[in-house]
Amino acid sequence: MREAFGAVFDVEPGYLNTASIGVPPRHVADAVAASHERWRRGQDTSSTFNEVVETSREAFGRLVGVPSASVACGATVSQFVSLVAQSLPAGSKVFVDPGDFTSVTLPFVAAGHQIVSTVEEADLVAMSVVQSADGQIADLEALRASGKPVLLDVSQAAGWRPLSLAWADFVVGVAYKWLMAPRGAAWMAVRPDRMASLKPLAANWYSTGANYGTDLVLRSDARRFDLSPTWFSHVGAAVALPWVASLDLEAVRAHCVSLTDRLLAGLGLPPNGSAIVSVARPPVQGVVSSVRAGRTRYACHMYNTIEDVDRVLEALA
């Protein structure tokens, strides 16, 4: 058991893999377990979950700096990126970082768009705020100053890093990493003036609010792009995201970066200012990490401690 930022975690020592899967605080896991128990007893209906969906929607908006009316709920980042990709004019020029995760890059390739090598020639820039492979942080000020339409993926940033992204055209993110909720929930913030540019390719009962009929009307805000929600994922998200949004995220960032700084310094490497680091060393026994692009990746979140980092350093000494 560990206590961090006012919550209790049951995470095992040596878990440095939040960039793959976040570990929930006890109160989040308990909420999901209670929901499963209600399900087992047949105590819920579909409308039972409407409140948790709206709670998680509003909290994601707070985390990225937009109102809830600008936030759509879905299941995965690739689903939302594909929505943007399929809504662009045919043959659009898109800049993506070659090292970015497939969920950000492949939808534009699959849609047949032209992938360009510079921001200046792009019709849209799609980029992770924090790169999953090595923790590199995007220069958001430069990107904003470019004046180019942007899609930002905050999956490796939201939860440990303060964000204010109302200026971005599209912002996507998932629940199950740094936000420590179950997999199956994702969100997309859409700037109001970009709503009309998107085609509701997965229109469903949740994006209109009606179950039957042919004279249906899509919702007027970002909920028109909702998927029918994965209920239990949103049960966890409705507890995890408001709690994370209530924290001093600058303090969370400082905690995480202090641990990665310690790890890098112990290996004779310069700091990178990120909660994710990548090293050209083999994985360490007794430490949960991941391998990306041929390098071992470590990720430090609020529940990690100096002892977790020192496990790595002692093993590699």
Protein backbone atom coordinates (compact mmCIF):
# COMPACT_ATOMS: atom_id res chain seq x y z
CA MET A 1 0.00 0.00 0.00
CA ARG A 2 1.17 3.53 -0.82
CA GLU A 3 -0.28 6.94 -0.19
CA ALA A 4 0.19 9.76 -2.68
CA PHE A 5 -1.65 13.03 -3.27
CA GLY A 6 -4.33 12.11 -0.77
CA ALA A 7 -5.11 8.70 -2.27
CA VAL A 8 -4.18 5.11 -1.43
CA PHE A 9 -2.66 2.84 -4.06
CA ASP A 10 -2.15 -0.93 -3.92
CA VAL A 11 0.51 -0.87 -6.64
CA GLU A 12 3.43 -3.27 -6.21
CA PRO A 13 6.96 -1.87 -5.73
CA GLY A 14 8.91 -1.43 -8.94
CA TYR A 15 5.96 -0.59 -11.19
CA LEU A 16 7.30 1.95 -13.70
CA ASN A 17 4.94 1.28 -16.59
CA THR A 18 2.18 3.90 -16.43
CA ALA A 19 2.92 4.83 -20.05
CA SER A 20 1.38 1.43 -20.87
CA ILE A 21 -1.21 0.97 -18.12
CA GLY A 22 -1.96 3.26 -15.20
CA VAL A 23 -2.70 1.79 -11.78
CA PRO A 24 -5.86 3.14 -10.13
CA PRO A 25 -6.06 4.56 -6.64
CA ARG A 26 -8.08 2.37 -4.31
CA HIS A 27 -11.19 4.58 -4.39
CA VAL A 28 -11.36 4.31 -8.20
CA ALA A 29 -10.93 0.53 -8.22
CA ASP A 30 -13.55 0.23 -5.47
CA ALA A 31 -16.07 2.23 -7.52
CA VAL A 32 -15.59 -0.09 -10.51
CA ALA A 33 -15.85 -3.19 -8.31
CA ALA A 34 -19.10 -1.88 -6.79
CA SER A 35 -20.48 -1.29 -10.27
CA HIS A 36 -19.63 -4.84 -11.29
CA GLU A 37 -21.44 -6.08 -8.19
CA ARG A 38 -24.57 -4.10 -9.14
CA TRP A 39 -24.34 -5.56 -12.64
CA ARG A 40 -24.06 -9.08 -11.20
CA ARG A 41 -27.26 -8.49 -9.23
CA GLY A 42 -29.18 -6.86 -12.11
CA GLN A 43 -29.53 -3.56 -10.29
CA ASP A 44 -28.73 -1.18 -13.17
CA THR A 45 -30.37 0.05 -16.35
CA SER A 46 -28.72 1.83 -19.28
CA SER A 47 -29.79 5.20 -17.93
CA THR A 48 -27.94 4.46 -14.67
CA PHE A 49 -24.69 5.32 -16.43
CA ASN A 50 -25.69 8.65 -17.99
CA GLU A 51 -24.42 10.62 -15.00
CA VAL A 52 -20.97 9.01 -14.95
CA VAL A 53 -20.54 9.64 -18.68
CA GLU A 54 -21.31 13.32 -18.21
CA THR A 55 -19.05 13.51 -15.16
CA SER A 56 -16.09 12.06 -17.02
CA ARG A 57 -16.80 14.31 -20.02
CA GLU A 58 -16.77 17.44 -17.86
CA ALA A 59 -13.62 16.37 -16.02
CA PHE A 60 -11.71 15.68 -19.24
CA GLY A 61 -12.70 19.15 -20.38
CA ARG A 62 -11.26 20.62 -17.17
CA LEU A 63 -8.03 18.70 -17.63
CA VAL A 64 -7.45 20.14 -21.12
CA GLY A 65 -9.08 23.53 -20.54
CA VAL A 66 -12.36 23.36 -22.49
CA PRO A 67 -16.08 23.29 -21.57
CA SER A 68 -17.90 19.96 -21.48
CA ALA A 69 -20.03 20.95 -24.50
CA SER A 70 -16.85 20.74 -26.59
CA VAL A 71 -16.02 17.17 -25.51
CA ALA A 72 -17.09 13.97 -27.26
CA CYS A 73 -16.90 10.57 -25.55
CA GLY A 74 -15.61 7.50 -27.33
CA ALA A 75 -13.55 4.37 -26.83
CA THR A 76 -10.09 4.88 -28.33
CA VAL A 77 -7.81 7.62 -29.62
CA SER A 78 -7.54 5.96 -33.04
CA GLN A 79 -11.33 6.14 -33.40
CA PHE A 80 -11.29 9.91 -32.92
CA VAL A 81 -8.19 10.50 -35.04
CA SER A 82 -9.83 8.45 -37.80
CA LEU A 83 -12.90 10.68 -37.55
CA VAL A 84 -10.71 13.73 -38.19
CA ALA A 85 -8.74 11.96 -40.93
CA GLN A 86 -11.86 10.82 -42.78
CA SER A 87 -13.37 14.31 -42.52
CA LEU A 88 -10.42 16.07 -44.18
CA PRO A 89 -10.61 16.84 -47.90
CA ALA A 90 -9.11 14.07 -50.02
CA GLY A 91 -5.36 14.35 -50.45
CA SER A 92 -4.86 16.80 -47.58
CA LYS A 93 -1.28 17.41 -46.47
CA VAL A 94 -0.70 16.23 -42.90
CA PHE A 95 2.42 16.57 -40.77
CA VAL A 96 2.95 13.76 -38.27
CA ASP A 97 6.04 12.99 -36.24
CA PRO A 98 7.56 9.79 -37.72
CA GLY A 99 8.19 8.59 -34.17
CA ASP A 100 4.63 9.12 -33.03
CA PHE A 101 2.36 6.29 -31.98
CA THR A 102 0.42 4.44 -34.68
CA SER A 103 -2.95 5.60 -33.37
CA VAL A 104 -1.96 9.15 -34.35
CA THR A 105 -0.25 8.43 -37.65
CA LEU A 106 -2.01 5.48 -39.30
CA PRO A 107 -5.50 7.01 -39.62
CA PHE A 108 -4.11 9.71 -41.93
CA VAL A 109 -2.10 7.20 -43.96
CA ALA A 110 -5.11 4.88 -44.25
CA ALA A 111 -7.28 7.80 -45.40
CA GLY A 112 -4.88 8.39 -48.28
CA HIS A 113 -3.65 11.79 -47.17
CA GLN A 114 -0.24 13.11 -48.12
CA ILE A 115 2.23 12.92 -45.22
CA VAL A 116 4.58 15.90 -45.40
CA SER A 117 7.89 16.52 -43.68
CA THR A 118 7.42 20.09 -42.41
CA VAL A 119 4.75 21.94 -40.46
CA GLU A 120 4.87 24.84 -42.93
CA GLU A 121 3.48 22.80 -45.83
CA ALA A 122 0.80 21.00 -43.80
CA ASP A 123 -2.97 21.48 -43.87
CA LEU A 124 -3.10 19.81 -40.44
CA VAL A 125 -0.50 18.94 -37.81
CA ALA A 126 -1.19 15.79 -35.74
CA MET A 127 1.10 15.24 -32.78
CA SER A 128 1.34 13.78 -29.29
CA VAL A 129 1.94 16.37 -26.57
CA VAL A 130 4.28 13.82 -24.98
CA GLN A 131 5.75 11.08 -27.15
CA SER A 132 5.06 7.56 -25.90
CA ALA A 133 8.37 6.02 -26.97
CA ASP A 134 10.79 8.39 -25.25
CA GLY A 135 8.83 11.09 -23.39
CA GLN A 136 9.81 13.94 -25.71
CA ILE A 137 7.59 16.98 -25.10
CA ALA A 138 6.15 18.92 -28.03
CA ASP A 139 6.86 22.63 -28.38
CA LEU A 140 3.25 23.72 -28.06
CA GLU A 141 4.01 27.43 -28.14
CA ALA A 142 5.79 27.08 -31.48
CA LEU A 143 2.99 24.93 -32.80
CA ARG A 144 0.37 27.45 -31.73
CA ALA A 145 2.38 30.29 -33.24
CA SER A 146 2.52 28.46 -36.59
CA GLY A 147 -1.19 29.13 -37.07
CA LYS A 148 -1.70 25.63 -38.50
CA PRO A 149 -4.74 23.54 -37.60
CA VAL A 150 -3.65 20.97 -35.00
CA LEU A 151 -4.76 17.69 -33.51
CA LEU A 152 -3.07 16.95 -30.18
CA ASP A 153 -2.98 13.60 -28.42
CA VAL A 154 -2.71 14.05 -24.64
CA SER A 155 -2.75 10.34 -23.78
CA GLN A 156 0.80 10.51 -22.37
CA ALA A 157 0.39 13.98 -20.84
CA ALA A 158 -3.04 14.38 -19.22
CA GLY A 159 -2.81 13.26 -15.61
CA TRP A 160 0.73 14.35 -14.82
CA ARG A 161 1.12 17.60 -16.73
CA PRO A 162 -0.97 20.81 -16.53
CA LEU A 163 -2.65 21.52 -19.87
CA SER A 164 -4.48 24.51 -21.37
CA LEU A 165 -5.40 23.57 -24.92
CA ALA A 166 -8.57 25.46 -25.83
CA TRP A 167 -6.65 26.94 -28.77
CA ALA A 168 -6.15 23.54 -30.44
CA ASP A 169 -8.58 22.38 -33.11
CA PHE A 170 -8.85 18.83 -31.75
CA VAL A 171 -7.56 17.25 -28.53
CA VAL A 172 -7.80 13.50 -27.96
CA GLY A 173 -6.90 11.33 -24.98
CA VAL A 174 -7.52 7.98 -23.30
CA ALA A 175 -8.50 6.97 -19.77
CA TYR A 176 -6.25 4.04 -18.95
CA LYS A 177 -2.77 5.50 -18.72
CA TRP A 178 -1.99 8.58 -16.60
CA LEU A 179 -5.67 9.14 -15.79
CA MET A 180 -5.78 5.73 -14.09
CA ALA A 181 -9.25 4.66 -15.21
CA PRO A 182 -10.26 1.44 -17.00
CA ARG A 183 -9.50 1.00 -20.68
CA GLY A 184 -12.48 1.63 -22.93
CA ALA A 185 -13.05 5.36 -22.50
CA ALA A 186 -11.54 8.15 -24.59
CA TRP A 187 -12.44 11.74 -25.33
CA MET A 188 -12.04 14.34 -28.04
CA ALA A 189 -12.30 18.07 -27.45
CA VAL A 190 -13.42 19.93 -30.56
CA ARG A 191 -13.03 23.68 -30.87
CA PRO A 192 -16.52 25.09 -31.52
CA ASP A 193 -15.62 26.58 -34.89
CA ARG A 194 -14.39 23.15 -36.08
CA MET A 195 -17.57 21.18 -35.26
CA ALA A 196 -18.97 21.60 -38.75
CA SER A 197 -15.76 20.27 -40.34
CA LEU A 198 -16.28 16.77 -38.92
CA LYS A 199 -18.51 14.08 -40.35
CA PRO A 200 -20.36 12.02 -37.68
CA LEU A 201 -19.17 8.75 -39.19
CA ALA A 202 -20.26 6.61 -36.25
CA ALA A 203 -23.62 8.27 -35.56
CA ASN A 204 -25.62 6.21 -33.09
CA TRP A 205 -28.42 6.47 -30.53
CA TYR A 206 -26.12 8.25 -28.09
CA SER A 207 -25.26 10.99 -30.56
CA THR A 208 -28.91 11.89 -31.02
CA GLY A 209 -30.49 10.95 -27.70
CA ALA A 210 -33.29 8.92 -29.30
CA ASN A 211 -33.77 5.18 -29.73
CA TYR A 212 -36.14 4.93 -32.70
CA GLY A 213 -37.34 6.81 -35.74
CA THR A 214 -35.98 8.25 -38.95
CA ASP A 215 -36.54 11.96 -38.33
CA LEU A 216 -33.57 12.06 -35.95
CA VAL A 217 -31.40 15.11 -35.28
CA LEU A 218 -27.81 15.00 -34.10
CA ARG A 219 -27.02 16.78 -30.87
CA SER A 220 -25.88 20.36 -31.38
CA ASP A 221 -22.61 20.14 -29.45
CA ALA A 222 -19.66 17.71 -29.44
CA ARG A 223 -21.94 14.93 -28.18
CA ARG A 224 -22.96 14.43 -31.81
CA PHE A 225 -19.65 12.55 -32.15
CA ASP A 226 -20.20 10.32 -29.08
CA LEU A 227 -20.03 6.57 -29.25
CA SER A 228 -22.41 4.58 -27.12
CA PRO A 229 -20.33 4.51 -23.91
CA THR A 230 -18.50 1.57 -22.40
CA TRP A 231 -20.27 1.77 -19.08
CA PHE A 232 -17.80 0.40 -16.57
CA SER A 233 -14.92 2.38 -18.06
CA HIS A 234 -16.86 5.56 -17.43
CA VAL A 235 -17.71 4.46 -13.89
CA GLY A 236 -13.99 4.46 -13.15
CA ALA A 237 -13.33 7.60 -15.18
CA ALA A 238 -16.09 9.49 -13.36
CA VAL A 239 -14.17 8.96 -10.12
CA ALA A 240 -10.60 9.16 -11.41
CA LEU A 241 -10.76 12.20 -13.69
CA PRO A 242 -12.48 14.66 -11.31
CA TRP A 243 -10.02 13.64 -8.60
CA VAL A 244 -7.02 14.19 -10.90
CA ALA A 245 -8.48 17.50 -12.09
CA SER A 246 -8.76 18.65 -8.46
CA LEU A 247 -5.03 18.13 -7.79
CA ASP A 248 -2.19 20.60 -8.11
CA LEU A 249 -0.94 19.18 -11.40
CA GLU A 250 2.19 21.28 -11.26
CA ALA A 251 3.05 19.43 -8.04
CA VAL A 252 2.30 16.12 -9.75
CA ARG A 253 4.53 17.11 -12.66
CA ALA A 254 7.35 18.12 -10.31
CA HIS A 255 7.09 14.81 -8.44
CA CYS A 256 7.18 12.71 -11.60
CA VAL A 257 10.03 14.65 -13.20
CA SER A 258 12.11 14.57 -10.01
CA LEU A 259 12.02 10.77 -10.22
CA THR A 260 12.93 10.57 -13.89
CA ASP A 261 15.69 13.15 -13.30
CA ARG A 262 17.08 10.91 -10.57
CA LEU A 263 16.99 7.90 -12.86
CA LEU A 264 18.69 9.69 -15.75
CA ALA A 265 21.31 11.30 -13.50
CA GLY A 266 22.13 7.91 -12.02
CA LEU A 267 22.79 6.62 -15.52
CA GLY A 268 24.89 9.63 -16.45
CA LEU A 269 22.25 11.02 -18.79
CA PRO A 270 20.83 14.57 -19.02
CA PRO A 271 17.29 15.31 -17.74
CA ASN A 272 14.44 15.47 -20.24
CA GLY A 273 11.76 17.20 -18.16
CA SER A 274 9.29 14.38 -18.79
CA ALA A 275 7.60 11.66 -16.76
CA ILE A 276 8.76 9.16 -19.41
CA VAL A 277 12.35 8.19 -20.12
CA SER A 278 13.91 5.79 -22.60
CA VAL A 279 17.33 4.21 -22.08
CA ALA A 280 19.57 1.94 -24.13
CA ARG A 281 19.80 -0.61 -21.34
CA PRO A 282 18.08 -4.00 -20.94
CA PRO A 283 14.97 -4.31 -18.79
CA VAL A 284 15.56 -4.92 -15.11
CA GLN A 285 14.27 -7.97 -13.25
CA GLY A 286 11.81 -6.99 -10.52
CA VAL A 287 10.82 -3.77 -12.28
CA VAL A 288 7.78 -3.52 -14.55
CA SER A 289 8.69 -1.47 -17.62
CA SER A 290 8.22 -1.75 -21.38
CA VAL A 291 10.36 -1.82 -24.50
CA ARG A 292 9.68 0.72 -27.23
CA ALA A 293 11.76 1.30 -30.37
CA GLY A 294 14.38 -1.09 -29.05
CA ARG A 295 14.91 0.80 -25.79
CA THR A 296 13.65 0.27 -22.25
CA ARG A 297 10.97 2.76 -21.27
CA TYR A 298 10.30 3.81 -17.69
CA ALA A 299 7.38 5.98 -16.61
CA CYS A 300 7.03 7.63 -13.20
CA HIS A 301 3.62 8.65 -11.91
CA MET A 302 2.30 10.09 -8.66
CA TYR A 303 2.37 6.70 -6.90
CA ASN A 304 6.04 6.07 -7.66
CA THR A 305 8.84 6.66 -5.18
CA ILE A 306 12.60 7.03 -5.01
CA GLU A 307 12.77 3.35 -4.08
CA ASP A 308 11.24 2.37 -7.43
CA VAL A 309 13.87 4.35 -9.31
CA ASP A 310 16.72 3.08 -7.16
CA ARG A 311 15.72 -0.50 -7.99
CA VAL A 312 16.64 0.24 -11.56
CA LEU A 313 19.88 2.02 -10.70
CA GLU A 314 21.04 -0.71 -8.35
CA ALA A 315 20.34 -3.41 -10.92
CA LEU A 316 22.19 -1.53 -13.66
CA ALA A 317 25.13 -0.45 -11.47
